[in-house]
Amino acid sequence: MSERPRFTTIDDYFETASPEALPILQEIRELVPRLVPAAQETISYQMPAFRLKRVFFFFAAFKKHIGIYPPVNGDDDLMQALQPYSNEKGNLKFPLNQPMPYDLIGRVIETLARQDSE
């Protein structure tokens, strides 16, 4: 059995991403500091992540989707917009075979950052 790679930077993680997922991951990576300038890149749970006081946003590529964690709690409009992407635990799955809703992902980033600072 081969050992899973251990990542120390987001760039390390991106080196293993599929060609289909890589541009999406890069766009999300660039979106976070535009919306939350104080956010710092890190790796947590072997996923790309951003921190303020603590890690507030994780994202990762899977075979058929981009996952975003942790679950978000927001206003009713945001929760309604996220419904097609939420699983039973509230984590988000954005299918790779559909247009990526970067504006919606941006709203998630801002909400998670705000929740982290409360």
N, C-alpha and C. Protein backbone atom coordinates (compact mmCIF):
# COMPACT_ATOMS: atom_id res chain seq x y z
N MET A 1 0.85 -1.18 0.00
CA MET A 1 0.00 0.00 0.00
C MET A 1 0.89 1.24 0.00
N SER A 2 0.60 2.18 -0.90
CA SER A 2 1.41 3.38 -0.94
C SER A 2 0.92 4.39 0.08
N GLU A 3 1.86 5.16 0.58
CA GLU A 3 1.53 6.16 1.57
C GLU A 3 0.96 7.40 0.89
N ARG A 4 -0.05 8.00 1.51
CA ARG A 4 -0.64 9.22 0.96
C ARG A 4 0.35 10.37 1.11
N PRO A 5 0.36 11.30 0.16
CA PRO A 5 1.29 12.42 0.27
C PRO A 5 0.95 13.30 1.47
N ARG A 6 1.97 13.88 2.06
CA ARG A 6 1.81 14.83 3.16
C ARG A 6 2.10 16.21 2.60
N PHE A 7 1.17 17.12 2.80
CA PHE A 7 1.32 18.47 2.26
C PHE A 7 1.75 19.43 3.35
N THR A 8 2.66 20.34 2.99
CA THR A 8 3.06 21.39 3.93
C THR A 8 2.64 22.77 3.43
N THR A 9 2.33 22.87 2.15
CA THR A 9 1.86 24.14 1.58
C THR A 9 0.70 23.87 0.62
N ILE A 10 -0.02 24.92 0.31
CA ILE A 10 -1.09 24.80 -0.67
C ILE A 10 -0.52 24.44 -2.03
N ASP A 11 0.64 24.97 -2.36
CA ASP A 11 1.28 24.61 -3.63
C ASP A 11 1.55 23.11 -3.70
N ASP A 12 1.99 22.51 -2.59
CA ASP A 12 2.21 21.06 -2.56
C ASP A 12 0.90 20.33 -2.89
N TYR A 13 -0.18 20.78 -2.29
CA TYR A 13 -1.48 20.16 -2.54
C TYR A 13 -1.88 20.30 -4.00
N PHE A 14 -1.71 21.50 -4.54
CA PHE A 14 -2.11 21.76 -5.92
C PHE A 14 -1.33 20.90 -6.92
N GLU A 15 -0.11 20.52 -6.59
CA GLU A 15 0.68 19.67 -7.48
C GLU A 15 0.02 18.32 -7.72
N THR A 16 -0.85 17.89 -6.82
CA THR A 16 -1.51 16.59 -6.94
C THR A 16 -2.93 16.71 -7.51
N ALA A 17 -3.40 17.93 -7.76
CA ALA A 17 -4.78 18.13 -8.23
C ALA A 17 -4.91 17.74 -9.70
N SER A 18 -6.09 17.30 -10.04
CA SER A 18 -6.37 16.95 -11.44
C SER A 18 -6.37 18.23 -12.29
N PRO A 19 -6.07 18.08 -13.59
CA PRO A 19 -6.12 19.26 -14.48
C PRO A 19 -7.50 19.92 -14.51
N GLU A 20 -8.53 19.15 -14.29
CA GLU A 20 -9.89 19.69 -14.28
C GLU A 20 -10.14 20.55 -13.03
N ALA A 21 -9.61 20.12 -11.89
CA ALA A 21 -9.86 20.82 -10.63
C ALA A 21 -8.90 21.97 -10.38
N LEU A 22 -7.69 21.89 -10.90
CA LEU A 22 -6.66 22.87 -10.55
C LEU A 22 -7.07 24.33 -10.79
N PRO A 23 -7.62 24.70 -11.95
CA PRO A 23 -7.99 26.11 -12.13
C PRO A 23 -9.06 26.57 -11.14
N ILE A 24 -9.94 25.68 -10.75
CA ILE A 24 -10.98 26.02 -9.78
C ILE A 24 -10.35 26.25 -8.42
N LEU A 25 -9.46 25.36 -8.02
CA LEU A 25 -8.75 25.53 -6.75
C LEU A 25 -7.97 26.84 -6.73
N GLN A 26 -7.31 27.16 -7.83
CA GLN A 26 -6.54 28.40 -7.90
C GLN A 26 -7.45 29.62 -7.77
N GLU A 27 -8.60 29.57 -8.41
CA GLU A 27 -9.54 30.70 -8.33
C GLU A 27 -10.03 30.87 -6.89
N ILE A 28 -10.35 29.78 -6.21
CA ILE A 28 -10.79 29.87 -4.82
C ILE A 28 -9.67 30.42 -3.95
N ARG A 29 -8.45 29.95 -4.18
CA ARG A 29 -7.29 30.43 -3.43
C ARG A 29 -7.14 31.95 -3.58
N GLU A 30 -7.35 32.47 -4.77
CA GLU A 30 -7.22 33.90 -5.01
C GLU A 30 -8.42 34.68 -4.47
N LEU A 31 -9.56 34.04 -4.41
CA LEU A 31 -10.78 34.69 -3.93
C LEU A 31 -10.69 35.02 -2.44
N VAL A 32 -10.14 34.13 -1.65
CA VAL A 32 -10.12 34.33 -0.20
C VAL A 32 -9.40 35.62 0.19
N PRO A 33 -8.16 35.86 -0.22
CA PRO A 33 -7.51 37.11 0.21
C PRO A 33 -8.14 38.37 -0.37
N ARG A 34 -8.82 38.26 -1.51
CA ARG A 34 -9.55 39.42 -2.03
C ARG A 34 -10.70 39.80 -1.10
N LEU A 35 -11.36 38.80 -0.54
CA LEU A 35 -12.51 39.04 0.33
C LEU A 35 -12.15 39.21 1.79
N VAL A 36 -11.08 38.53 2.21
CA VAL A 36 -10.65 38.55 3.61
C VAL A 36 -9.13 38.79 3.62
N PRO A 37 -8.71 40.05 3.45
CA PRO A 37 -7.28 40.34 3.30
C PRO A 37 -6.39 39.84 4.43
N ALA A 38 -6.91 39.73 5.64
CA ALA A 38 -6.09 39.28 6.77
C ALA A 38 -5.92 37.76 6.83
N ALA A 39 -6.63 37.03 5.99
CA ALA A 39 -6.56 35.57 6.01
C ALA A 39 -5.17 35.09 5.61
N GLN A 40 -4.71 34.07 6.31
CA GLN A 40 -3.39 33.48 6.04
C GLN A 40 -3.57 32.05 5.55
N GLU A 41 -2.80 31.70 4.52
CA GLU A 41 -2.84 30.34 3.97
C GLU A 41 -2.22 29.35 4.95
N THR A 42 -2.76 28.14 4.93
CA THR A 42 -2.20 27.06 5.72
C THR A 42 -2.69 25.73 5.14
N ILE A 43 -2.18 24.66 5.67
CA ILE A 43 -2.69 23.32 5.40
C ILE A 43 -3.23 22.80 6.73
N SER A 44 -4.44 22.28 6.70
CA SER A 44 -5.04 21.72 7.90
C SER A 44 -5.83 20.48 7.48
N TYR A 45 -5.66 19.42 8.22
CA TYR A 45 -6.27 18.14 7.84
C TYR A 45 -5.89 17.75 6.42
N GLN A 46 -4.68 18.12 6.01
CA GLN A 46 -4.14 17.82 4.69
C GLN A 46 -4.96 18.43 3.56
N MET A 47 -5.61 19.55 3.85
CA MET A 47 -6.37 20.30 2.84
C MET A 47 -5.90 21.75 2.84
N PRO A 48 -6.01 22.44 1.71
CA PRO A 48 -5.77 23.88 1.70
C PRO A 48 -6.77 24.55 2.64
N ALA A 49 -6.29 25.54 3.37
CA ALA A 49 -7.15 26.21 4.34
C ALA A 49 -6.67 27.65 4.54
N PHE A 50 -7.53 28.43 5.18
CA PHE A 50 -7.20 29.81 5.54
C PHE A 50 -7.58 30.03 6.99
N ARG A 51 -6.76 30.86 7.65
CA ARG A 51 -6.99 31.12 9.07
C ARG A 51 -7.04 32.61 9.35
N LEU A 52 -7.78 32.94 10.38
CA LEU A 52 -7.75 34.25 11.01
C LEU A 52 -7.32 33.97 12.44
N LYS A 53 -8.26 33.97 13.40
CA LYS A 53 -7.93 33.53 14.76
C LYS A 53 -7.63 32.03 14.75
N ARG A 54 -8.40 31.31 13.96
CA ARG A 54 -8.24 29.86 13.79
C ARG A 54 -8.58 29.57 12.33
N VAL A 55 -8.46 28.34 11.92
CA VAL A 55 -8.81 27.98 10.55
C VAL A 55 -10.32 28.14 10.40
N PHE A 56 -10.72 28.93 9.41
CA PHE A 56 -12.15 29.18 9.21
C PHE A 56 -12.66 28.64 7.89
N PHE A 57 -11.75 28.24 6.98
CA PHE A 57 -12.18 27.83 5.65
C PHE A 57 -11.24 26.77 5.10
N PHE A 58 -11.80 25.65 4.69
CA PHE A 58 -11.06 24.55 4.06
C PHE A 58 -11.67 24.32 2.68
N PHE A 59 -10.85 23.91 1.73
CA PHE A 59 -11.37 23.51 0.43
C PHE A 59 -10.49 22.40 -0.12
N ALA A 60 -11.09 21.53 -0.93
CA ALA A 60 -10.35 20.38 -1.43
C ALA A 60 -10.99 19.86 -2.71
N ALA A 61 -10.16 19.23 -3.53
CA ALA A 61 -10.63 18.64 -4.78
C ALA A 61 -10.85 17.15 -4.58
N PHE A 62 -11.93 16.67 -5.13
CA PHE A 62 -12.24 15.26 -5.14
C PHE A 62 -12.48 14.86 -6.59
N LYS A 63 -12.73 13.60 -6.82
CA LYS A 63 -12.86 13.11 -8.18
C LYS A 63 -13.94 13.85 -8.98
N LYS A 64 -15.08 14.13 -8.33
CA LYS A 64 -16.21 14.72 -9.05
C LYS A 64 -16.67 16.06 -8.50
N HIS A 65 -16.01 16.56 -7.46
CA HIS A 65 -16.48 17.82 -6.87
C HIS A 65 -15.37 18.55 -6.12
N ILE A 66 -15.66 19.81 -5.79
CA ILE A 66 -14.84 20.60 -4.89
C ILE A 66 -15.61 20.65 -3.57
N GLY A 67 -14.94 20.28 -2.49
CA GLY A 67 -15.57 20.33 -1.17
C GLY A 67 -15.15 21.58 -0.43
N ILE A 68 -16.09 22.15 0.31
CA ILE A 68 -15.83 23.32 1.13
C ILE A 68 -16.35 23.03 2.53
N TYR A 69 -15.52 23.36 3.53
CA TYR A 69 -15.80 23.06 4.93
C TYR A 69 -15.40 24.26 5.77
N PRO A 70 -15.86 24.40 6.97
CA PRO A 70 -16.90 23.65 7.66
C PRO A 70 -18.28 24.12 7.20
N PRO A 71 -19.33 23.50 7.75
CA PRO A 71 -20.68 23.95 7.42
C PRO A 71 -20.84 25.43 7.77
N VAL A 72 -21.60 26.11 6.98
CA VAL A 72 -21.83 27.54 7.19
C VAL A 72 -23.24 27.76 7.72
N ASN A 73 -23.36 28.73 8.59
CA ASN A 73 -24.66 29.19 9.06
C ASN A 73 -24.77 30.64 8.65
N GLY A 74 -25.82 30.96 7.98
CA GLY A 74 -25.96 32.34 7.52
C GLY A 74 -27.40 32.73 7.44
N ASP A 75 -27.63 33.80 6.75
CA ASP A 75 -29.00 34.25 6.59
C ASP A 75 -29.77 33.25 5.73
N ASP A 76 -31.07 33.40 5.77
CA ASP A 76 -31.94 32.46 5.06
C ASP A 76 -31.66 32.44 3.56
N ASP A 77 -31.36 33.61 2.98
CA ASP A 77 -31.06 33.66 1.54
C ASP A 77 -29.83 32.84 1.20
N LEU A 78 -28.79 32.96 2.01
CA LEU A 78 -27.57 32.18 1.77
C LEU A 78 -27.84 30.70 1.93
N MET A 79 -28.53 30.32 2.98
CA MET A 79 -28.80 28.90 3.21
C MET A 79 -29.65 28.32 2.08
N GLN A 80 -30.59 29.09 1.58
CA GLN A 80 -31.42 28.63 0.45
C GLN A 80 -30.57 28.45 -0.80
N ALA A 81 -29.66 29.39 -1.05
CA ALA A 81 -28.80 29.30 -2.23
C ALA A 81 -27.85 28.10 -2.15
N LEU A 82 -27.47 27.72 -0.94
CA LEU A 82 -26.53 26.61 -0.75
C LEU A 82 -27.20 25.24 -0.75
N GLN A 83 -28.50 25.21 -0.63
CA GLN A 83 -29.22 23.95 -0.50
C GLN A 83 -28.84 22.90 -1.55
N PRO A 84 -28.72 23.24 -2.83
CA PRO A 84 -28.37 22.20 -3.81
C PRO A 84 -26.96 21.62 -3.62
N TYR A 85 -26.12 22.31 -2.86
CA TYR A 85 -24.73 21.88 -2.69
C TYR A 85 -24.44 21.28 -1.32
N SER A 86 -25.40 21.34 -0.40
CA SER A 86 -25.18 20.88 0.98
C SER A 86 -25.47 19.39 1.12
N ASN A 87 -24.61 18.73 1.90
CA ASN A 87 -24.92 17.34 2.24
C ASN A 87 -25.57 17.30 3.61
N GLU A 88 -25.82 16.12 4.11
CA GLU A 88 -26.55 15.97 5.37
C GLU A 88 -25.82 16.59 6.56
N LYS A 89 -24.50 16.74 6.49
CA LYS A 89 -23.73 17.35 7.58
C LYS A 89 -23.57 18.86 7.38
N GLY A 90 -24.02 19.37 6.24
CA GLY A 90 -23.91 20.79 5.96
C GLY A 90 -22.66 21.18 5.20
N ASN A 91 -21.78 20.20 4.94
CA ASN A 91 -20.61 20.50 4.12
C ASN A 91 -21.06 20.71 2.68
N LEU A 92 -20.25 21.41 1.91
CA LEU A 92 -20.65 21.79 0.55
C LEU A 92 -19.88 21.02 -0.50
N LYS A 93 -20.60 20.58 -1.53
CA LYS A 93 -20.02 19.85 -2.65
C LYS A 93 -20.44 20.55 -3.94
N PHE A 94 -19.45 21.10 -4.64
CA PHE A 94 -19.70 21.79 -5.89
C PHE A 94 -19.22 20.89 -7.03
N PRO A 95 -20.13 20.34 -7.83
CA PRO A 95 -19.75 19.40 -8.90
C PRO A 95 -18.82 20.04 -9.92
N LEU A 96 -17.82 19.27 -10.32
CA LEU A 96 -16.85 19.74 -11.32
C LEU A 96 -17.47 19.83 -12.71
N ASN A 97 -18.56 19.13 -12.94
CA ASN A 97 -19.16 19.14 -14.28
C ASN A 97 -20.22 20.23 -14.45
N GLN A 98 -20.27 21.17 -13.51
CA GLN A 98 -21.19 22.31 -13.59
C GLN A 98 -20.40 23.60 -13.42
N PRO A 99 -20.93 24.72 -13.91
CA PRO A 99 -20.23 25.99 -13.69
C PRO A 99 -20.05 26.25 -12.19
N MET A 100 -18.87 26.70 -11.82
CA MET A 100 -18.56 26.94 -10.42
C MET A 100 -19.17 28.28 -9.99
N PRO A 101 -20.00 28.29 -8.95
CA PRO A 101 -20.65 29.53 -8.51
C PRO A 101 -19.71 30.34 -7.58
N TYR A 102 -18.72 31.00 -8.18
CA TYR A 102 -17.71 31.70 -7.38
C TYR A 102 -18.33 32.80 -6.50
N ASP A 103 -19.36 33.46 -6.98
CA ASP A 103 -20.00 34.48 -6.15
C ASP A 103 -20.59 33.87 -4.89
N LEU A 104 -21.21 32.71 -5.03
CA LEU A 104 -21.79 32.02 -3.89
C LEU A 104 -20.68 31.53 -2.95
N ILE A 105 -19.62 31.00 -3.51
CA ILE A 105 -18.48 30.56 -2.70
C ILE A 105 -17.90 31.77 -1.95
N GLY A 106 -17.86 32.91 -2.60
CA GLY A 106 -17.38 34.13 -1.94
C GLY A 106 -18.25 34.50 -0.75
N ARG A 107 -19.56 34.36 -0.90
CA ARG A 107 -20.47 34.63 0.23
C ARG A 107 -20.20 33.67 1.39
N VAL A 108 -19.89 32.42 1.07
CA VAL A 108 -19.55 31.43 2.10
C VAL A 108 -18.27 31.85 2.81
N ILE A 109 -17.26 32.24 2.05
CA ILE A 109 -15.98 32.66 2.63
C ILE A 109 -16.20 33.83 3.59
N GLU A 110 -16.93 34.84 3.15
CA GLU A 110 -17.17 36.01 4.00
C GLU A 110 -17.95 35.64 5.26
N THR A 111 -18.92 34.77 5.12
CA THR A 111 -19.73 34.36 6.29
C THR A 111 -18.88 33.57 7.26
N LEU A 112 -18.08 32.64 6.77
CA LEU A 112 -17.22 31.86 7.67
C LEU A 112 -16.19 32.74 8.36
N ALA A 113 -15.64 33.71 7.64
CA ALA A 113 -14.67 34.63 8.25
C ALA A 113 -15.34 35.46 9.35
N ARG A 114 -16.55 35.93 9.08
CA ARG A 114 -17.29 36.70 10.08
C ARG A 114 -17.60 35.84 11.31
N GLN A 115 -17.99 34.59 11.10
CA GLN A 115 -18.28 33.69 12.21
C GLN A 115 -17.01 33.42 13.03
N ASP A 116 -15.86 33.37 12.36
CA ASP A 116 -14.60 33.13 13.06
C ASP A 116 -14.25 34.30 13.97
N SER A 117 -14.65 35.50 13.60
CA SER A 117 -14.27 36.67 14.39
C SER A 117 -15.26 36.98 15.51
N GLU A 118 -16.33 36.22 15.60
CA GLU A 118 -17.34 36.45 16.67
C GLU A 118 -16.88 35.87 17.98
